[in-house]
């Protein structure tokens, strides 16, 4: 366990605190159990490390990742027991979906250790949503998106902007004194500005890794797909990437992938829940409105 503290303290000390994501101020950090869910690469780990560095006593705080080899032979509940005996008050668990029985053990930690506050993150959005049903009355779940245009301007171009509502934007009440002609940067934002690591030299490689991990591991594991079906997800995303935004013809896409029409609708839903696409649905009410998609966006 000493190694966990050593690793935790090192990461916290090295965390940059010059830029904070929007979610930092939206989370009620006083809650006993907090879940932070979002697509891979949007900055969840950095956010929780920033909070620790800015607000907590390191002697009472432990950050761990569920991918650590420590959890090959040790359970979350055992870690919590040992941590509390050493005066621990704040436990942060990253990539929690990597641990098989995470939801059940978090439930036990919540019930057995009322003095302990737990924050966990998960990148496998589908798996987290499946598991949080066991924690519905215990954990407060926050869904973290990628960079907004305002955050993009601040992070990459050092341009400050107020927060504007959708109504203000539609009514053309937005003024950016430091950016009188924003369209050029907005176009750049739409291409590469969603992820905080967009300006890194290896951006393309990291983005491909995120997509592959999501399509090859996260979704198939959640939906219990075989390898062949997993490949169809890649083919489907390729079709969407070449056409988006577009109104999907599910029958035509099904023929292209040699799959049933109903399966295509399910695949699109999985990819949407994983944060890789967005689907615009019509306002048809009742049962007829379910699953009716007007447009798909990448």
Foldseek 3Di string as FASTA:
>chain_A
DVVQLVVFVVVLVPQDDPAADPVLVVDPQVAQEEEEEEAPQQQPVSSVSNCCNVPHDSQQETEDECVDPVVVPDDPLVVLVVSVVSVHAEYEYEQQVVDPLSLVSVVVCVVPPVRHGYYYYHNLLLSVVVSCVSVVPGYDYDYDWFDDLQSLCCLPVVFHADDDDPVCVVVVVGDRPVPRDCPVVVVVCVVQVRGSCSPPPCSVVVVVVSVCCNLQPSLCVSVVHDRLVSVLLVVLVVVCVVDPFDADDLVVSCVVSVHDSVVSLVSLVSCVSSPNKDFDFDPDDDPVRPSHTGTIHD
